[in-house]
Amino acid sequence: MEIKAISGNHILINNGKPVVIGSISSTLDGVSKIIFDFGTKQQDIFVFENNTLKEYKLALRAPDYINKIYANCINSSLVTEFELIRLVVDAFTYRELGF
């Protein structure tokens, strides 16, 4: 499933379509992989098992404000898949729209 730059009523559009900044894939055994790509061709990967962050691999090519969100989420033992995605999508969408 794609992660699109949509936050509330705000949508970042490119060529008439919402900008895709990542993807989510899940397996039947409760493992999810969240991949963010901000057009750098470098991926930031987060692996969750039963909604708990288990591992991550960062290219550190994302914008600085996104890397700060990553750091806060990684250091929080309570971060969930939904919260990580929400924080990143909200920040990216609003920042790129100039809010």
N, C-alpha and C. Protein backbone atom coordinates (compact mmCIF):
# COMPACT_ATOMS: atom_id res chain seq x y z
N MET A 1 0.84 -1.16 0.00
CA MET A 1 0.00 0.00 0.00
C MET A 1 0.90 1.24 0.00
N GLU A 2 0.50 2.23 -0.76
CA GLU A 2 1.27 3.47 -0.86
C GLU A 2 0.99 4.40 0.32
N ILE A 3 2.02 5.15 0.70
CA ILE A 3 1.86 6.24 1.67
C ILE A 3 1.88 7.52 0.87
N LYS A 4 0.76 8.25 0.91
CA LYS A 4 0.64 9.48 0.13
C LYS A 4 0.70 10.70 1.04
N ALA A 5 1.12 11.81 0.48
CA ALA A 5 1.24 13.07 1.22
C ALA A 5 -0.13 13.72 1.35
N ILE A 6 -0.95 13.10 2.21
CA ILE A 6 -2.30 13.59 2.47
C ILE A 6 -2.45 13.73 3.98
N SER A 7 -2.78 14.92 4.43
CA SER A 7 -2.96 15.17 5.86
C SER A 7 -4.22 16.00 6.06
N GLY A 8 -5.25 15.39 6.61
CA GLY A 8 -6.52 16.09 6.78
C GLY A 8 -7.06 16.55 5.45
N ASN A 9 -7.27 17.85 5.31
CA ASN A 9 -7.77 18.42 4.05
C ASN A 9 -6.65 18.89 3.13
N HIS A 10 -5.41 18.62 3.49
CA HIS A 10 -4.27 19.09 2.71
C HIS A 10 -3.64 17.93 1.94
N ILE A 11 -3.46 18.13 0.65
CA ILE A 11 -2.89 17.10 -0.21
C ILE A 11 -1.80 17.73 -1.07
N LEU A 12 -0.64 17.12 -1.08
CA LEU A 12 0.45 17.56 -1.94
C LEU A 12 0.28 16.87 -3.28
N ILE A 13 0.09 17.65 -4.34
CA ILE A 13 -0.23 17.12 -5.67
C ILE A 13 0.95 17.31 -6.62
N ASN A 14 1.20 16.29 -7.45
CA ASN A 14 2.20 16.37 -8.52
C ASN A 14 1.58 15.72 -9.74
N ASN A 15 1.50 16.45 -10.85
CA ASN A 15 0.87 15.94 -12.08
C ASN A 15 -0.54 15.43 -11.84
N GLY A 16 -1.28 16.15 -10.99
CA GLY A 16 -2.68 15.81 -10.74
C GLY A 16 -2.92 14.65 -9.80
N LYS A 17 -1.87 14.10 -9.19
CA LYS A 17 -2.01 12.96 -8.28
C LYS A 17 -1.31 13.26 -6.96
N PRO A 18 -1.80 12.70 -5.86
CA PRO A 18 -1.10 12.88 -4.57
C PRO A 18 0.32 12.31 -4.65
N VAL A 19 1.25 13.02 -4.05
CA VAL A 19 2.65 12.59 -4.02
C VAL A 19 2.79 11.35 -3.14
N VAL A 20 3.46 10.35 -3.65
CA VAL A 20 3.72 9.12 -2.89
C VAL A 20 5.08 9.26 -2.23
N ILE A 21 5.11 9.09 -0.89
CA ILE A 21 6.37 9.23 -0.16
C ILE A 21 6.83 7.93 0.48
N GLY A 22 6.11 6.85 0.22
CA GLY A 22 6.53 5.59 0.79
C GLY A 22 5.53 4.48 0.54
N SER A 23 5.75 3.38 1.26
CA SER A 23 4.87 2.23 1.13
C SER A 23 4.85 1.42 2.42
N ILE A 24 3.81 0.61 2.54
CA ILE A 24 3.66 -0.28 3.69
C ILE A 24 3.39 -1.68 3.15
N SER A 25 4.09 -2.66 3.70
CA SER A 25 3.78 -4.05 3.36
C SER A 25 3.67 -4.82 4.67
N SER A 26 2.76 -5.77 4.69
CA SER A 26 2.52 -6.56 5.90
C SER A 26 2.51 -8.04 5.55
N THR A 27 2.87 -8.84 6.54
CA THR A 27 2.81 -10.29 6.39
C THR A 27 1.76 -10.84 7.34
N LEU A 28 1.39 -12.07 7.16
CA LEU A 28 0.37 -12.69 8.00
C LEU A 28 0.83 -12.91 9.44
N ASP A 29 2.13 -12.93 9.66
CA ASP A 29 2.63 -13.18 11.01
C ASP A 29 2.83 -11.90 11.83
N GLY A 30 2.21 -10.79 11.41
CA GLY A 30 2.23 -9.56 12.20
C GLY A 30 3.43 -8.67 11.98
N VAL A 31 4.20 -8.92 10.93
CA VAL A 31 5.38 -8.10 10.63
C VAL A 31 5.01 -7.11 9.52
N SER A 32 5.32 -5.84 9.76
CA SER A 32 5.06 -4.79 8.77
C SER A 32 6.35 -4.08 8.44
N LYS A 33 6.50 -3.72 7.19
CA LYS A 33 7.66 -2.95 6.76
C LYS A 33 7.15 -1.62 6.20
N ILE A 34 7.65 -0.53 6.78
CA ILE A 34 7.30 0.81 6.32
C ILE A 34 8.54 1.39 5.66
N ILE A 35 8.38 1.83 4.42
CA ILE A 35 9.49 2.39 3.66
C ILE A 35 9.13 3.81 3.26
N PHE A 36 10.00 4.76 3.59
CA PHE A 36 9.84 6.15 3.16
C PHE A 36 10.91 6.46 2.13
N ASP A 37 10.51 7.19 1.09
CA ASP A 37 11.43 7.63 0.04
C ASP A 37 10.98 9.03 -0.38
N PHE A 38 11.80 10.00 -0.14
CA PHE A 38 11.45 11.40 -0.41
C PHE A 38 12.08 11.90 -1.70
N GLY A 39 12.19 11.03 -2.68
CA GLY A 39 12.73 11.42 -3.97
C GLY A 39 14.24 11.40 -4.03
N THR A 40 14.88 10.84 -3.02
CA THR A 40 16.34 10.81 -2.99
C THR A 40 16.90 9.49 -3.53
N LYS A 41 16.00 8.56 -3.86
CA LYS A 41 16.37 7.20 -4.29
C LYS A 41 16.99 6.40 -3.15
N GLN A 42 17.00 6.98 -1.96
CA GLN A 42 17.47 6.30 -0.76
C GLN A 42 16.26 6.01 0.11
N GLN A 43 16.16 4.82 0.64
CA GLN A 43 14.99 4.44 1.43
C GLN A 43 15.32 4.41 2.92
N ASP A 44 14.33 4.83 3.69
CA ASP A 44 14.38 4.70 5.15
C ASP A 44 13.38 3.61 5.50
N ILE A 45 13.85 2.57 6.17
CA ILE A 45 13.05 1.37 6.38
C ILE A 45 12.82 1.14 7.87
N PHE A 46 11.56 0.89 8.24
CA PHE A 46 11.19 0.58 9.61
C PHE A 46 10.44 -0.74 9.60
N VAL A 47 10.83 -1.65 10.49
CA VAL A 47 10.17 -2.95 10.58
C VAL A 47 9.49 -3.03 11.95
N PHE A 48 8.19 -3.31 11.91
CA PHE A 48 7.40 -3.47 13.12
C PHE A 48 6.93 -4.90 13.22
N GLU A 49 6.92 -5.41 14.44
CA GLU A 49 6.33 -6.73 14.69
C GLU A 49 5.27 -6.54 15.76
N ASN A 50 4.04 -6.91 15.43
CA ASN A 50 2.91 -6.70 16.34
C ASN A 50 2.85 -5.26 16.85
N ASN A 51 3.04 -4.32 15.93
CA ASN A 51 2.95 -2.88 16.18
C ASN A 51 4.04 -2.33 17.12
N THR A 52 5.15 -3.05 17.22
CA THR A 52 6.29 -2.61 18.01
C THR A 52 7.50 -2.50 17.09
N LEU A 53 8.20 -1.37 17.15
CA LEU A 53 9.38 -1.18 16.30
C LEU A 53 10.46 -2.18 16.68
N LYS A 54 10.89 -2.98 15.70
CA LYS A 54 11.90 -4.01 15.93
C LYS A 54 13.25 -3.66 15.32
N GLU A 55 13.23 -3.03 14.16
CA GLU A 55 14.48 -2.63 13.54
C GLU A 55 14.23 -1.51 12.55
N TYR A 56 15.31 -0.85 12.17
CA TYR A 56 15.21 0.25 11.21
C TYR A 56 16.55 0.41 10.50
N LYS A 57 16.49 0.98 9.32
CA LYS A 57 17.68 1.29 8.54
C LYS A 57 17.44 2.63 7.87
N LEU A 58 18.24 3.61 8.22
CA LEU A 58 18.07 4.96 7.71
C LEU A 58 19.18 5.33 6.75
N ALA A 59 18.82 5.92 5.64
CA ALA A 59 19.80 6.42 4.67
C ALA A 59 20.27 7.82 5.06
N LEU A 60 19.50 8.48 5.93
CA LEU A 60 19.79 9.84 6.38
C LEU A 60 19.84 10.84 5.23
N ARG A 61 19.07 10.58 4.19
CA ARG A 61 18.96 11.50 3.05
C ARG A 61 17.63 12.26 3.08
N ALA A 62 16.79 11.91 4.04
CA ALA A 62 15.51 12.61 4.18
C ALA A 62 15.79 14.03 4.68
N PRO A 63 14.83 14.93 4.52
CA PRO A 63 15.02 16.28 5.06
C PRO A 63 15.29 16.24 6.56
N ASP A 64 16.03 17.22 7.07
CA ASP A 64 16.41 17.24 8.49
C ASP A 64 15.22 17.15 9.42
N TYR A 65 14.12 17.84 9.10
CA TYR A 65 12.96 17.80 9.99
C TYR A 65 12.35 16.40 10.04
N ILE A 66 12.48 15.62 8.98
CA ILE A 66 12.01 14.23 8.99
C ILE A 66 12.97 13.36 9.80
N ASN A 67 14.27 13.59 9.66
CA ASN A 67 15.24 12.82 10.46
C ASN A 67 15.04 13.06 11.95
N LYS A 68 14.62 14.27 12.34
CA LYS A 68 14.32 14.56 13.75
C LYS A 68 13.11 13.77 14.22
N ILE A 69 12.11 13.65 13.36
CA ILE A 69 10.94 12.84 13.70
C ILE A 69 11.35 11.38 13.88
N TYR A 70 12.16 10.89 12.94
CA TYR A 70 12.66 9.51 13.06
C TYR A 70 13.35 9.31 14.40
N ALA A 71 14.26 10.23 14.76
CA ALA A 71 15.02 10.09 16.01
C ALA A 71 14.08 10.04 17.21
N ASN A 72 13.08 10.92 17.24
CA ASN A 72 12.13 10.92 18.35
C ASN A 72 11.35 9.61 18.42
N CYS A 73 10.95 9.10 17.27
CA CYS A 73 10.20 7.84 17.23
C CYS A 73 11.07 6.66 17.64
N ILE A 74 12.29 6.63 17.18
CA ILE A 74 13.20 5.53 17.52
C ILE A 74 13.49 5.52 19.02
N ASN A 75 13.63 6.70 19.61
CA ASN A 75 13.92 6.79 21.03
C ASN A 75 12.70 6.58 21.92
N SER A 76 11.52 6.55 21.34
CA SER A 76 10.29 6.32 22.09
C SER A 76 9.95 4.85 22.05
N SER A 77 9.84 4.24 23.19
CA SER A 77 9.51 2.82 23.22
C SER A 77 8.04 2.57 22.90
N LEU A 78 7.24 3.62 22.81
CA LEU A 78 5.81 3.46 22.59
C LEU A 78 5.37 3.81 21.17
N VAL A 79 6.30 4.07 20.27
CA VAL A 79 5.92 4.45 18.90
C VAL A 79 5.22 3.28 18.21
N THR A 80 4.15 3.60 17.51
CA THR A 80 3.41 2.59 16.75
C THR A 80 3.57 2.89 15.26
N GLU A 81 3.19 1.93 14.44
CA GLU A 81 3.23 2.14 12.99
C GLU A 81 2.40 3.36 12.61
N PHE A 82 1.18 3.42 13.14
CA PHE A 82 0.28 4.52 12.80
C PHE A 82 0.87 5.86 13.20
N GLU A 83 1.45 5.94 14.39
CA GLU A 83 2.01 7.21 14.87
C GLU A 83 3.19 7.64 14.02
N LEU A 84 4.08 6.72 13.68
CA LEU A 84 5.22 7.05 12.82
C LEU A 84 4.74 7.60 11.48
N ILE A 85 3.82 6.90 10.85
CA ILE A 85 3.31 7.34 9.55
C ILE A 85 2.62 8.69 9.67
N ARG A 86 1.78 8.86 10.69
CA ARG A 86 1.06 10.11 10.87
C ARG A 86 2.01 11.28 11.05
N LEU A 87 3.01 11.13 11.89
CA LEU A 87 3.97 12.22 12.14
C LEU A 87 4.74 12.59 10.88
N VAL A 88 5.22 11.59 10.16
CA VAL A 88 6.01 11.85 8.95
C VAL A 88 5.14 12.48 7.86
N VAL A 89 3.97 11.91 7.61
CA VAL A 89 3.09 12.43 6.56
C VAL A 89 2.65 13.85 6.88
N ASP A 90 2.22 14.10 8.13
CA ASP A 90 1.80 15.45 8.51
C ASP A 90 2.92 16.46 8.32
N ALA A 91 4.10 16.15 8.84
CA ALA A 91 5.23 17.08 8.74
C ALA A 91 5.60 17.34 7.28
N PHE A 92 5.71 16.29 6.49
CA PHE A 92 6.11 16.44 5.10
C PHE A 92 5.08 17.24 4.32
N THR A 93 3.82 16.89 4.47
CA THR A 93 2.75 17.57 3.72
C THR A 93 2.70 19.05 4.06
N TYR A 94 2.67 19.37 5.34
CA TYR A 94 2.58 20.78 5.73
C TYR A 94 3.83 21.56 5.35
N ARG A 95 4.98 20.97 5.53
CA ARG A 95 6.24 21.67 5.21
C ARG A 95 6.34 21.95 3.71
N GLU A 96 6.01 20.96 2.89
CA GLU A 96 6.12 21.14 1.45
C GLU A 96 5.06 22.09 0.90
N LEU A 97 3.94 22.22 1.61
CA LEU A 97 2.90 23.16 1.20
C LEU A 97 3.17 24.56 1.75
N GLY A 98 4.17 24.68 2.62
CA GLY A 98 4.56 25.99 3.12
C GLY A 98 3.83 26.44 4.37
N PHE A 99 3.26 25.51 5.11
CA PHE A 99 2.57 25.87 6.36
C PHE A 99 3.53 25.89 7.51
